[in-house]
PDB file of N, CA and C in Angstrom:
ATOM      1  N   MET A   1     184.444 276.836  15.098  1.00  0.00           N
ATOM      2  CA  MET A   1     184.492 275.712  15.822  1.00  0.00           C
ATOM      3  C   MET A   1     184.408 274.399  14.952  1.00  0.00           C
ATOM      4  N   LYS A   2     185.403 273.502  15.128  1.00  0.00           N
ATOM      5  CA  LYS A   2     185.292 272.264  14.280  1.00  0.00           C
ATOM      6  C   LYS A   2     184.681 271.222  15.129  1.00  0.00           C
ATOM      7  N   ILE A   3     183.782 270.470  14.516  1.00  0.00           N
ATOM      8  CA  ILE A   3     182.997 269.320  15.241  1.00  0.00           C
ATOM      9  C   ILE A   3     183.153 268.108  14.418  1.00  0.00           C
ATOM     10  N   LEU A   4     183.590 267.019  14.990  1.00  0.00           N
ATOM     11  CA  LEU A   4     183.568 265.843  14.268  1.00  0.00           C
ATOM     12  C   LEU A   4     182.290 265.066  14.618  1.00  0.00           C
ATOM     13  N   LEU A   5     181.487 264.796  13.630  1.00  0.00           N
ATOM     14  CA  LEU A   5     180.181 264.145  13.749  1.00  0.00           C
ATOM     15  C   LEU A   5     180.396 262.711  13.231  1.00  0.00           C
ATOM     16  N   VAL A   6     180.367 261.749  14.166  1.00  0.00           N
ATOM     17  CA  VAL A   6     180.425 260.280  13.924  1.00  0.00           C
ATOM     18  C   VAL A   6     179.116 259.703  14.030  1.00  0.00           C
ATOM     19  N   GLU A   7     178.570 259.484  12.705  1.00  0.00           N
ATOM     20  CA  GLU A   7     177.104 259.060  12.792  1.00  0.00           C
ATOM     21  C   GLU A   7     176.897 258.329  11.350  1.00  0.00           C
ATOM     22  N   ASP A   8     176.387 257.070  11.552  1.00  0.00           N
ATOM     23  CA  ASP A   8     176.212 256.164  10.486  1.00  0.00           C
ATOM     24  C   ASP A   8     174.874 256.341   9.623  1.00  0.00           C
ATOM     25  N   ASN A   9     173.891 256.935  10.292  1.00  0.00           N
ATOM     26  CA  ASN A   9     172.547 257.228   9.732  1.00  0.00           C
ATOM     27  C   ASN A   9     172.607 258.524   8.853  1.00  0.00           C
ATOM     28  N   GLU A  10     172.448 258.334   7.574  1.00  0.00           N
ATOM     29  CA  GLU A  10     172.621 259.510   6.664  1.00  0.00           C
ATOM     30  C   GLU A  10     171.663 260.591   6.915  1.00  0.00           C
ATOM     31  N   MET A  11     170.453 260.328   7.264  1.00  0.00           N
ATOM     32  CA  MET A  11     169.510 261.367   7.556  1.00  0.00           C
ATOM     33  C   MET A  11     169.916 262.163   8.844  1.00  0.00           C
ATOM     34  N   HIS A  12     170.279 261.470   9.911  1.00  0.00           N
ATOM     35  CA  HIS A  12     170.758 262.141  11.054  1.00  0.00           C
ATOM     36  C   HIS A  12     172.042 262.981  10.736  1.00  0.00           C
ATOM     37  N   ARG A  13     172.912 262.421  10.113  1.00  0.00           N
ATOM     38  CA  ARG A  13     174.141 263.074   9.637  1.00  0.00           C
ATOM     39  C   ARG A  13     173.954 264.341   8.862  1.00  0.00           C
ATOM     40  N   ASP A  14     173.044 264.252   7.975  1.00  0.00           N
ATOM     41  CA  ASP A  14     172.860 265.390   7.079  1.00  0.00           C
ATOM     42  C   ASP A  14     172.014 266.444   7.862  1.00  0.00           C
ATOM     43  N   MET A  15     171.075 266.169   8.700  1.00  0.00           N
ATOM     44  CA  MET A  15     170.416 267.135   9.438  1.00  0.00           C
ATOM     45  C   MET A  15     171.232 267.810  10.423  1.00  0.00           C
ATOM     46  N   LEU A  16     171.986 267.095  11.177  1.00  0.00           N
ATOM     47  CA  LEU A  16     172.891 267.658  12.162  1.00  0.00           C
ATOM     48  C   LEU A  16     173.944 268.481  11.563  1.00  0.00           C
ATOM     49  N   SER A  17     174.663 267.944  10.479  1.00  0.00           N
ATOM     50  CA  SER A  17     175.700 268.698   9.903  1.00  0.00           C
ATOM     51  C   SER A  17     175.236 270.136   9.243  1.00  0.00           C
ATOM     52  N   ARG A  18     174.111 270.012   8.669  1.00  0.00           N
ATOM     53  CA  ARG A  18     173.654 271.300   7.996  1.00  0.00           C
ATOM     54  C   ARG A  18     173.226 272.277   9.131  1.00  0.00           C
ATOM     55  N   ARG A  19     172.569 271.859  10.269  1.00  0.00           N
ATOM     56  CA  ARG A  19     172.183 272.768  11.298  1.00  0.00           C
ATOM     57  C   ARG A  19     173.459 273.266  12.070  1.00  0.00           C
ATOM     58  N   LEU A  20     174.503 272.455  12.277  1.00  0.00           N
ATOM     59  CA  LEU A  20     175.674 273.008  12.849  1.00  0.00           C
ATOM     60  C   LEU A  20     176.413 273.854  12.073  1.00  0.00           C
ATOM     61  N   ALA A  21     176.468 273.654  10.743  1.00  0.00           N
ATOM     62  CA  ALA A  21     177.055 274.566   9.694  1.00  0.00           C
ATOM     63  C   ALA A  21     176.385 275.902   9.721  1.00  0.00           C
ATOM     64  N   ARG A  22     175.069 275.924   9.844  1.00  0.00           N
ATOM     65  CA  ARG A  22     174.403 277.207   9.851  1.00  0.00           C
ATOM     66  C   ARG A  22     174.729 277.938  11.269  1.00  0.00           C
ATOM     67  N   LYS A  23     175.199 277.187  12.220  1.00  0.00           N
ATOM     68  CA  LYS A  23     175.500 277.849  13.463  1.00  0.00           C
ATOM     69  C   LYS A  23     177.169 278.315  13.463  1.00  0.00           C
ATOM     70  N   GLY A  24     177.750 278.147  12.271  1.00  0.00           N
ATOM     71  CA  GLY A  24     179.029 278.549  12.069  1.00  0.00           C
ATOM     72  C   GLY A  24     180.124 277.522  12.281  1.00  0.00           C
ATOM     73  N   CYS A  25     179.741 276.302  12.463  1.00  0.00           N
ATOM     74  CA  CYS A  25     180.688 275.252  12.787  1.00  0.00           C
ATOM     75  C   CYS A  25     181.217 274.590  11.416  1.00  0.00           C
ATOM     76  N   GLU A  26     182.543 274.173  11.567  1.00  0.00           N
ATOM     77  CA  GLU A  26     183.078 273.280  10.520  1.00  0.00           C
ATOM     78  C   GLU A  26     182.810 271.913  10.960  1.00  0.00           C
ATOM     79  N   VAL A  27     182.073 271.112  10.059  1.00  0.00           N
ATOM     80  CA  VAL A  27     181.707 269.822  10.493  1.00  0.00           C
ATOM     81  C   VAL A  27     182.455 268.840   9.592  1.00  0.00           C
ATOM     82  N   VAL A  28     183.142 267.990  10.370  1.00  0.00           N
ATOM     83  CA  VAL A  28     183.857 266.854   9.708  1.00  0.00           C
ATOM     84  C   VAL A  28     183.035 265.532   9.968  1.00  0.00           C
ATOM     85  N   ILE A  29     182.936 264.688   8.939  1.00  0.00           N
ATOM     86  CA  ILE A  29     182.045 263.561   9.119  1.00  0.00           C
ATOM     87  C   ILE A  29     182.835 262.230   9.140  1.00  0.00           C
ATOM     88  N   ALA A  30     182.450 261.372   9.860  1.00  0.00           N
ATOM     89  CA  ALA A  30     182.851 259.925   9.964  1.00  0.00           C
ATOM     90  C   ALA A  30     181.584 259.159   9.962  1.00  0.00           C
ATOM     91  N   VAL A  31     181.542 257.943   9.378  1.00  0.00           N
ATOM     92  CA  VAL A  31     180.326 257.113   9.258  1.00  0.00           C
ATOM     93  C   VAL A  31     180.399 255.883  10.103  1.00  0.00           C
ATOM     94  N   ASP A  32     181.542 255.606  10.747  1.00  0.00           N
ATOM     95  CA  ASP A  32     181.660 254.417  11.606  1.00  0.00           C
ATOM     96  C   ASP A  32     182.810 254.780  12.703  1.00  0.00           C
ATOM     97  N   GLY A  33     182.839 253.901  13.787  1.00  0.00           N
ATOM     98  CA  GLY A  33     183.732 254.242  14.791  1.00  0.00           C
ATOM     99  C   GLY A  33     185.161 254.197  14.336  1.00  0.00           C
ATOM    100  N   LYS A  34     185.545 253.297  13.566  1.00  0.00           N
ATOM    101  CA  LYS A  34     186.927 253.149  13.149  1.00  0.00           C
ATOM    102  C   LYS A  34     187.361 254.533  12.524  1.00  0.00           C
ATOM    103  N   GLN A  35     186.505 254.881  11.514  1.00  0.00           N
ATOM    104  CA  GLN A  35     186.705 256.257  10.825  1.00  0.00           C
ATOM    105  C   GLN A  35     186.750 257.376  11.767  1.00  0.00           C
ATOM    106  N   GLY A  36     185.890 257.303  12.745  1.00  0.00           N
ATOM    107  CA  GLY A  36     185.722 258.331  13.760  1.00  0.00           C
ATOM    108  C   GLY A  36     187.068 258.597  14.548  1.00  0.00           C
ATOM    109  N   VAL A  37     187.797 257.434  14.929  1.00  0.00           N
ATOM    110  CA  VAL A  37     189.046 257.445  15.565  1.00  0.00           C
ATOM    111  C   VAL A  37     190.110 258.050  14.711  1.00  0.00           C
ATOM    112  N   GLU A  38     190.072 257.622  13.438  1.00  0.00           N
ATOM    113  CA  GLU A  38     191.035 258.122  12.424  1.00  0.00           C
ATOM    114  C   GLU A  38     190.916 259.539  12.137  1.00  0.00           C
ATOM    115  N   ARG A  39     189.673 260.027  11.966  1.00  0.00           N
ATOM    116  CA  ARG A  39     189.361 261.513  11.720  1.00  0.00           C
ATOM    117  C   ARG A  39     189.752 262.377  12.935  1.00  0.00           C
ATOM    118  N   ALA A  40     189.426 261.793  14.054  1.00  0.00           N
ATOM    119  CA  ALA A  40     189.695 262.575  15.307  1.00  0.00           C
ATOM    120  C   ALA A  40     191.204 262.894  15.466  1.00  0.00           C
ATOM    121  N   ALA A  41     192.007 261.937  15.158  1.00  0.00           N
ATOM    122  CA  ALA A  41     193.442 261.893  15.270  1.00  0.00           C
ATOM    123  C   ALA A  41     194.079 262.994  14.142  1.00  0.00           C
ATOM    124  N   ALA A  42     193.485 262.858  12.974  1.00  0.00           N
ATOM    125  CA  ALA A  42     193.880 263.735  11.831  1.00  0.00           C
ATOM    126  C   ALA A  42     193.421 265.119  11.965  1.00  0.00           C
ATOM    127  N   GLU A  43     192.218 265.336  12.393  1.00  0.00           N
ATOM    128  CA  GLU A  43     191.566 266.684  12.405  1.00  0.00           C
ATOM    129  C   GLU A  43     191.687 267.478  13.713  1.00  0.00           C
ATOM    130  N   LEU A  44     191.804 266.699  14.879  1.00  0.00           N
ATOM    131  CA  LEU A  44     191.816 267.235  16.150  1.00  0.00           C
ATOM    132  C   LEU A  44     190.750 268.360  16.267  1.00  0.00           C
ATOM    133  N   PRO A  45     189.489 267.823  16.258  1.00  0.00           N
ATOM    134  CA  PRO A  45     188.333 268.740  16.463  1.00  0.00           C
ATOM    135  C   PRO A  45     188.182 269.486  17.754  1.00  0.00           C
ATOM    136  N   ASP A  46     187.395 270.380  17.845  1.00  0.00           N
ATOM    137  CA  ASP A  46     187.104 270.979  19.217  1.00  0.00           C
ATOM    138  C   ASP A  46     186.150 270.159  20.076  1.00  0.00           C
ATOM    139  N   LEU A  47     185.313 269.282  19.323  1.00  0.00           N
ATOM    140  CA  LEU A  47     184.321 268.566  19.915  1.00  0.00           C
ATOM    141  C   LEU A  47     184.109 267.276  19.136  1.00  0.00           C
ATOM    142  N   ILE A  48     183.679 266.170  19.716  1.00  0.00           N
ATOM    143  CA  ILE A  48     183.195 265.054  18.843  1.00  0.00           C
ATOM    144  C   ILE A  48     181.868 264.699  19.318  1.00  0.00           C
ATOM    145  N   LEU A  49     180.838 264.605  18.301  1.00  0.00           N
ATOM    146  CA  LEU A  49     179.553 264.095  18.571  1.00  0.00           C
ATOM    147  C   LEU A  49     179.570 262.638  18.119  1.00  0.00           C
ATOM    148  N   MET A  50     179.392 261.644  19.071  1.00  0.00           N
ATOM    149  CA  MET A  50     179.564 260.204  18.766  1.00  0.00           C
ATOM    150  C   MET A  50     178.361 259.469  18.960  1.00  0.00           C
ATOM    151  N   ASP A  51     177.822 259.032  17.861  1.00  0.00           N
ATOM    152  CA  ASP A  51     176.798 257.985  17.863  1.00  0.00           C
ATOM    153  C   ASP A  51     177.407 256.809  18.578  1.00  0.00           C
ATOM    154  N   MET A  52     176.659 256.139  19.474  1.00  0.00           N
ATOM    155  CA  MET A  52     177.084 255.134  20.241  1.00  0.00           C
ATOM    156  C   MET A  52     176.846 253.747  19.487  1.00  0.00           C
ATOM    157  N   SER A  53     175.867 253.648  18.650  1.00  0.00           N
ATOM    158  CA  SER A  53     175.545 252.444  17.962  1.00  0.00           C
ATOM    159  C   SER A  53     176.121 252.599  16.526  1.00  0.00           C
ATOM    160  N   LEU A  54     177.210 252.074  16.126  1.00  0.00           N
ATOM    161  CA  LEU A  54     177.929 252.207  14.975  1.00  0.00           C
ATOM    162  C   LEU A  54     178.416 250.923  14.432  1.00  0.00           C
ATOM    163  N   PRO A  55     178.587 250.833  13.051  1.00  0.00           N
ATOM    164  CA  PRO A  55     179.181 249.651  12.452  1.00  0.00           C
ATOM    165  C   PRO A  55     180.620 249.746  12.529  1.00  0.00           C
ATOM    166  N   GLU A  56     181.328 248.712  12.253  1.00  0.00           N
ATOM    167  CA  GLU A  56     182.771 248.474  12.308  1.00  0.00           C
ATOM    168  C   GLU A  56     183.287 248.517  13.847  1.00  0.00           C
ATOM    169  N   MET A  57     183.090 249.607  14.508  1.00  0.00           N
ATOM    170  CA  MET A  57     183.491 249.632  15.877  1.00  0.00           C
ATOM    171  C   MET A  57     182.465 250.688  16.487  1.00  0.00           C
ATOM    172  N   ASP A  58     181.802 250.141  17.579  1.00  0.00           N
ATOM    173  CA  ASP A  58     180.807 250.959  18.178  1.00  0.00           C
ATOM    174  C   ASP A  58     181.336 252.297  18.947  1.00  0.00           C
ATOM    175  N   GLY A  59     180.604 253.081  19.284  1.00  0.00           N
ATOM    176  CA  GLY A  59     181.023 254.435  19.890  1.00  0.00           C
ATOM    177  C   GLY A  59     181.547 254.358  21.232  1.00  0.00           C
ATOM    178  N   TRP A  60     181.105 253.249  21.972  1.00  0.00           N
ATOM    179  CA  TRP A  60     181.781 252.963  23.273  1.00  0.00           C
ATOM    180  C   TRP A  60     183.256 252.695  23.086  1.00  0.00           C
ATOM    181  N   GLU A  61     183.626 251.754  22.151  1.00  0.00           N
ATOM    182  CA  GLU A  61     184.935 251.366  21.890  1.00  0.00           C
ATOM    183  C   GLU A  61     185.750 252.480  21.344  1.00  0.00           C
ATOM    184  N   ALA A  62     185.243 253.288  20.251  1.00  0.00           N
ATOM    185  CA  ALA A  62     185.842 254.427  19.785  1.00  0.00           C
ATOM    186  C   ALA A  62     186.285 255.500  20.803  1.00  0.00           C
ATOM    187  N   THR A  63     185.328 255.676  21.721  1.00  0.00           N
ATOM    188  CA  THR A  63     185.482 256.731  22.813  1.00  0.00           C
ATOM    189  C   THR A  63     186.589 256.270  23.677  1.00  0.00           C
ATOM    190  N   ARG A  64     186.610 255.025  24.062  1.00  0.00           N
ATOM    191  CA  ARG A  64     187.674 254.449  24.915  1.00  0.00           C
ATOM    192  C   ARG A  64     189.018 254.674  24.304  1.00  0.00           C
ATOM    193  N   ILE A  65     189.219 254.307  22.966  1.00  0.00           N
ATOM    194  CA  ILE A  65     190.393 254.549  22.221  1.00  0.00           C
ATOM    195  C   ILE A  65     190.779 255.960  22.248  1.00  0.00           C
ATOM    196  N   LEU A  66     189.905 256.857  21.918  1.00  0.00           N
ATOM    197  CA  LEU A  66     190.199 258.289  21.824  1.00  0.00           C
ATOM    198  C   LEU A  66     190.563 258.904  23.280  1.00  0.00           C
ATOM    199  N   LYS A  67     190.018 258.421  24.244  1.00  0.00           N
ATOM    200  CA  LYS A  67     190.357 258.877  25.648  1.00  0.00           C
ATOM    201  C   LYS A  67     191.647 258.317  26.195  1.00  0.00           C
ATOM    202  N   SER A  68     192.080 257.271  25.570  1.00  0.00           N
ATOM    203  CA  SER A  68     193.335 256.618  26.038  1.00  0.00           C
ATOM    204  C   SER A  68     194.569 257.131  25.111  1.00  0.00           C
ATOM    205  N   ASP A  69     194.316 257.915  24.207  1.00  0.00           N
ATOM    206  CA  ASP A  69     195.336 258.482  23.295  1.00  0.00           C
ATOM    207  C   ASP A  69     195.732 259.903  23.768  1.00  0.00           C
ATOM    208  N   SER A  70     197.068 260.093  23.997  1.00  0.00           N
ATOM    209  CA  SER A  70     197.402 261.435  24.488  1.00  0.00           C
ATOM    210  C   SER A  70     197.051 262.590  23.707  1.00  0.00           C
ATOM    211  N   ALA A  71     196.878 262.275  22.210  1.00  0.00           N
ATOM    212  CA  ALA A  71     196.693 263.263  21.146  1.00  0.00           C
ATOM    213  C   ALA A  71     195.176 263.678  21.188  1.00  0.00           C
ATOM    214  N   THR A  72     194.324 262.778  21.678  1.00  0.00           N
ATOM    215  CA  THR A  72     192.864 263.095  21.499  1.00  0.00           C
ATOM    216  C   THR A  72     192.103 262.998  22.748  1.00  0.00           C
ATOM    217  N   LYS A  73     192.798 262.703  23.849  1.00  0.00           N
ATOM    218  CA  LYS A  73     192.142 262.461  25.143  1.00  0.00           C
ATOM    219  C   LYS A  73     191.361 263.744  25.730  1.00  0.00           C
ATOM    220  N   SER A  74     191.887 264.977  25.397  1.00  0.00           N
ATOM    221  CA  SER A  74     191.373 266.184  25.939  1.00  0.00           C
ATOM    222  C   SER A  74     190.136 266.725  25.136  1.00  0.00           C
ATOM    223  N   ILE A  75     189.844 266.123  23.928  1.00  0.00           N
ATOM    224  CA  ILE A  75     188.796 266.483  23.028  1.00  0.00           C
ATOM    225  C   ILE A  75     187.497 266.050  23.738  1.00  0.00           C
ATOM    226  N   PRO A  76     186.602 267.091  24.066  1.00  0.00           N
ATOM    227  CA  PRO A  76     185.285 266.674  24.658  1.00  0.00           C
ATOM    228  C   PRO A  76     184.468 265.654  23.736  1.00  0.00           C
ATOM    229  N   ILE A  77     183.846 264.785  24.239  1.00  0.00           N
ATOM    230  CA  ILE A  77     183.090 263.790  23.437  1.00  0.00           C
ATOM    231  C   ILE A  77     181.658 263.700  24.046  1.00  0.00           C
ATOM    232  N   MET A  78     180.651 264.011  23.108  1.00  0.00           N
ATOM    233  CA  MET A  78     179.309 263.754  23.535  1.00  0.00           C
ATOM    234  C   MET A  78     178.692 262.670  22.862  1.00  0.00           C
ATOM    235  N   GLY A  79     178.302 261.635  23.726  1.00  0.00           N
ATOM    236  CA  GLY A  79     177.755 260.419  23.166  1.00  0.00           C
ATOM    237  C   GLY A  79     176.238 260.620  22.920  1.00  0.00           C
ATOM    238  N   LEU A  80     175.781 260.107  21.655  1.00  0.00           N
ATOM    239  CA  LEU A  80     174.431 260.312  21.222  1.00  0.00           C
ATOM    240  C   LEU A  80     173.889 258.975  21.032  1.00  0.00           C
ATOM    241  N   THR A  81     172.735 258.590  21.682  1.00  0.00           N
ATOM    242  CA  THR A  81     172.124 257.249  21.468  1.00  0.00           C
ATOM    243  C   THR A  81     170.609 257.391  21.387  1.00  0.00           C
ATOM    244  N   ALA A  82     170.008 256.607  20.535  1.00  0.00           N
ATOM    245  CA  ALA A  82     168.596 256.486  20.405  1.00  0.00           C
ATOM    246  C   ALA A  82     167.977 255.527  21.436  1.00  0.00           C
ATOM    247  N   HIS A  83     168.860 254.710  22.043  1.00  0.00           N
ATOM    248  CA  HIS A  83     168.363 253.804  23.071  1.00  0.00           C
ATOM    249  C   HIS A  83     167.618 254.427  24.175  1.00  0.00           C
ATOM    250  N   ALA A  84     168.142 255.553  24.768  1.00  0.00           N
ATOM    251  CA  ALA A  84     167.616 256.174  25.918  1.00  0.00           C
ATOM    252  C   ALA A  84     167.060 255.273  26.943  1.00  0.00           C
ATOM    253  N   MET A  85     167.837 254.268  27.395  1.00  0.00           N
ATOM    254  CA  MET A  85     167.340 253.317  28.156  1.00  0.00           C
ATOM    255  C   MET A  85     167.990 253.740  29.598  1.00  0.00           C
ATOM    256  N   ALA A  86     167.524 253.162  30.639  1.00  0.00           N
ATOM    257  CA  ALA A  86     168.084 253.395  31.969  1.00  0.00           C
ATOM    258  C   ALA A  86     169.521 252.970  31.974  1.00  0.00           C
ATOM    259  N   GLY A  87     170.468 253.712  32.402  1.00  0.00           N
ATOM    260  CA  GLY A  87     171.822 253.304  32.456  1.00  0.00           C
ATOM    261  C   GLY A  87     172.721 253.761  31.185  1.00  0.00           C
ATOM    262  N   ASP A  88     171.918 254.195  30.106  1.00  0.00           N
ATOM    263  CA  ASP A  88     172.679 254.660  28.954  1.00  0.00           C
ATOM    264  C   ASP A  88     173.688 255.801  29.248  1.00  0.00           C
ATOM    265  N   ARG A  89     173.127 256.730  29.957  1.00  0.00           N
ATOM    266  CA  ARG A  89     173.999 257.948  30.362  1.00  0.00           C
ATOM    267  C   ARG A  89     175.211 257.462  31.067  1.00  0.00           C
ATOM    268  N   GLU A  90     175.020 256.584  32.097  1.00  0.00           N
ATOM    269  CA  GLU A  90     176.083 256.152  32.846  1.00  0.00           C
ATOM    270  C   GLU A  90     177.142 255.333  32.043  1.00  0.00           C
ATOM    271  N   ASN A  91     176.653 254.504  31.164  1.00  0.00           N
ATOM    272  CA  ASN A  91     177.527 253.806  30.230  1.00  0.00           C
ATOM    273  C   ASN A  91     178.340 254.753  29.364  1.00  0.00           C
ATOM    274  N   CYS A  92     177.672 255.721  28.836  1.00  0.00           N
ATOM    275  CA  CYS A  92     178.442 256.708  27.974  1.00  0.00           C
ATOM    276  C   CYS A  92     179.460 257.310  28.801  1.00  0.00           C
ATOM    277  N   LEU A  93     179.140 257.818  29.893  1.00  0.00           N
ATOM    278  CA  LEU A  93     180.238 258.539  30.832  1.00  0.00           C
ATOM    279  C   LEU A  93     181.281 257.583  31.292  1.00  0.00           C
ATOM    280  N   GLU A  94     180.917 256.211  31.570  1.00  0.00           N
ATOM    281  CA  GLU A  94     181.952 255.337  31.885  1.00  0.00           C
ATOM    282  C   GLU A  94     182.833 255.130  30.803  1.00  0.00           C
ATOM    283  N   ALA A  95     182.440 255.066  29.502  1.00  0.00           N
ATOM    284  CA  ALA A  95     183.223 254.878  28.433  1.00  0.00           C
ATOM    285  C   ALA A  95     184.257 255.961  28.044  1.00  0.00           C
ATOM    286  N   GLY A  96     183.951 257.177  28.768  1.00  0.00           N
ATOM    287  CA  GLY A  96     184.819 258.330  28.625  1.00  0.00           C
ATOM    288  C   GLY A  96     184.124 259.562  27.971  1.00  0.00           C
ATOM    289  N   CYS A  97     182.913 259.457  27.628  1.00  0.00           N
ATOM    290  CA  CYS A  97     182.175 260.497  27.154  1.00  0.00           C
ATOM    291  C   CYS A  97     182.032 261.686  28.177  1.00  0.00           C
ATOM    292  N   ASP A  98     182.042 262.919  27.748  1.00  0.00           N
ATOM    293  CA  ASP A  98     182.047 264.129  28.748  1.00  0.00           C
ATOM    294  C   ASP A  98     180.586 264.478  28.870  1.00  0.00           C
ATOM    295  N   GLU A  99     179.707 264.052  28.045  1.00  0.00           N
ATOM    296  CA  GLU A  99     178.277 264.406  28.047  1.00  0.00           C
ATOM    297  C   GLU A  99     177.500 263.440  27.308  1.00  0.00           C
ATOM    298  N   TYR A 100     176.258 263.435  27.459  1.00  0.00           N
ATOM    299  CA  TYR A 100     175.296 262.405  26.788  1.00  0.00           C
ATOM    300  C   TYR A 100     174.113 263.175  26.243  1.00  0.00           C
ATOM    301  N   GLY A 101     173.653 262.663  25.127  1.00  0.00           N
ATOM    302  CA  GLY A 101     172.391 263.217  24.486  1.00  0.00           C
ATOM    303  C   GLY A 101     171.553 262.123  23.927  1.00  0.00           C
ATOM    304  N   SER A 102     170.288 262.180  23.876  1.00  0.00           N
ATOM    305  CA  SER A 102     169.533 261.145  23.379  1.00  0.00           C
ATOM    306  C   SER A 102     168.928 261.651  21.958  1.00  0.00           C
ATOM    307  N   LYS A 103     168.613 260.630  21.213  1.00  0.00           N
ATOM    308  CA  LYS A 103     167.971 260.871  19.796  1.00  0.00           C
ATOM    309  C   LYS A 103     166.546 260.510  19.896  1.00  0.00           C
ATOM    310  N   PRO A 104     165.678 261.251  19.234  1.00  0.00           N
ATOM    311  CA  PRO A 104     166.061 262.400  18.370  1.00  0.00           C
ATOM    312  C   PRO A 104     166.609 263.532  19.124  1.00  0.00           C
ATOM    313  N   VAL A 105     167.632 264.227  18.504  1.00  0.00           N
ATOM    314  CA  VAL A 105     168.252 265.344  19.135  1.00  0.00           C
ATOM    315  C   VAL A 105     167.377 266.573  19.191  1.00  0.00           C
ATOM    316  N   ASP A 106     167.370 267.042  20.457  1.00  0.00           N
ATOM    317  CA  ASP A 106     166.731 268.470  20.671  1.00  0.00           C
ATOM    318  C   ASP A 106     167.936 269.353  20.268  1.00  0.00           C
ATOM    319  N   PHE A 107     167.807 270.063  19.231  1.00  0.00           N
ATOM    320  CA  PHE A 107     168.941 270.961  18.729  1.00  0.00           C
ATOM    321  C   PHE A 107     169.340 271.899  19.653  1.00  0.00           C
ATOM    322  N   SER A 108     168.411 272.681  20.237  1.00  0.00           N
ATOM    323  CA  SER A 108     168.709 273.803  21.211  1.00  0.00           C
ATOM    324  C   SER A 108     169.596 273.327  22.271  1.00  0.00           C
ATOM    325  N   GLU A 109     169.111 272.202  22.859  1.00  0.00           N
ATOM    326  CA  GLU A 109     169.759 271.546  24.036  1.00  0.00           C
ATOM    327  C   GLU A 109     171.095 270.961  23.626  1.00  0.00           C
ATOM    328  N   LEU A 110     171.214 270.502  22.392  1.00  0.00           N
ATOM    329  CA  LEU A 110     172.601 270.116  21.894  1.00  0.00           C
ATOM    330  C   LEU A 110     173.504 271.277  21.725  1.00  0.00           C
ATOM    331  N   VAL A 111     173.071 272.515  21.218  1.00  0.00           N
ATOM    332  CA  VAL A 111     173.873 273.628  21.084  1.00  0.00           C
ATOM    333  C   VAL A 111     174.231 274.071  22.566  1.00  0.00           C
ATOM    334  N   ASP A 112     173.463 274.065  23.542  1.00  0.00           N
ATOM    335  CA  ASP A 112     173.779 274.451  24.817  1.00  0.00           C
ATOM    336  C   ASP A 112     174.814 273.550  25.488  1.00  0.00           C
ATOM    337  N   LYS A 113     174.726 272.195  25.204  1.00  0.00           N
ATOM    338  CA  LYS A 113     175.855 271.376  25.669  1.00  0.00           C
ATOM    339  C   LYS A 113     177.026 271.500  24.914  1.00  0.00           C
ATOM    340  N   ILE A 114     177.127 271.829  23.648  1.00  0.00           N
ATOM    341  CA  ILE A 114     178.264 271.950  22.913  1.00  0.00           C
ATOM    342  C   ILE A 114     178.973 273.250  23.464  1.00  0.00           C
ATOM    343  N   GLN A 115     178.217 274.289  23.815  1.00  0.00           N
ATOM    344  CA  GLN A 115     178.796 275.510  24.325  1.00  0.00           C
ATOM    345  C   GLN A 115     179.439 275.292  25.680  1.00  0.00           C
ATOM    346  N   GLN A 116     178.635 274.527  26.525  1.00  0.00           N
ATOM    347  CA  GLN A 116     179.216 274.228  27.809  1.00  0.00           C
ATOM    348  C   GLN A 116     180.562 273.392  27.866  1.00  0.00           C
ATOM    349  N   LEU A 117     180.573 272.433  26.887  1.00  0.00           N
ATOM    350  CA  LEU A 117     181.710 271.612  26.756  1.00  0.00           C
ATOM    351  C   LEU A 117     182.971 272.273  26.169  1.00  0.00           C
ATOM    352  N   THR A 118     182.845 273.238  25.320  1.00  0.00           N
ATOM    353  CA  THR A 118     183.766 273.819  24.600  1.00  0.00           C
ATOM    354  C   THR A 118     184.190 275.380  25.145  1.00  0.00           C
ATOM    355  N   GLY A 119     183.211 275.851  25.865  1.00  0.00           N
ATOM    356  CA  GLY A 119     183.428 277.216  26.274  1.00  0.00           C
ATOM    357  C   GLY A 119     183.221 278.173  25.139  1.00  0.00           C
ATOM    358  N   GLY A 120     182.883 277.660  23.938  1.00  0.00           N
ATOM    359  CA  GLY A 120     182.667 278.527  22.902  1.00  0.00           C
ATOM    360  C   GLY A 120     181.209 278.905  22.539  1.00  0.00           C
ATOM    361  N   GLN A 121     181.120 280.014  21.766  1.00  0.00           N
ATOM    362  CA  GLN A 121     179.655 280.393  21.443  1.00  0.00           C
ATOM    363  C   GLN A 121     179.385 280.050  20.017  1.00  0.00           C
ATOM    364  N   LEU A 122     178.228 279.493  19.738  1.00  0.00           N
ATOM    365  CA  LEU A 122     177.720 279.239  18.331  1.00  0.00           C
ATOM    366  C   LEU A 122     176.778 280.301  17.946  1.00  0.00           C
ATOM    367  N   SER A 123     176.887 280.709  16.634  1.00  0.00           N
ATOM    368  CA  SER A 123     176.041 281.835  16.258  1.00  0.00           C
ATOM    369  C   SER A 123     174.624 281.541  16.084  1.00  0.00           C
TER     370      SER A 123
END
């Protein structure tokens, strides 16, 4: 399974990409929203993990662009945010995210949501 991880925090990016790779995923990295949109179009991943607070273009805008493009609109997007404020889940879903998760990431919960969104099994 190919996952695009759009995350500007190097520590989060490293931790998530390594753990997903151990689960058998091919992880493609983008460090900001603009790069995330470009990589999604080029790679057509099975799933996108989108940090919502990003430089260049935030995750909300990147998600709106991806969901409005016929080439990428069917790719499930899981929004990730450290804010975890009331309304964050609704804002993510309104922007077009298919699911929402808060940071710090509960990895077993993340794996469950990835499997639900893609119908695929991670090892």
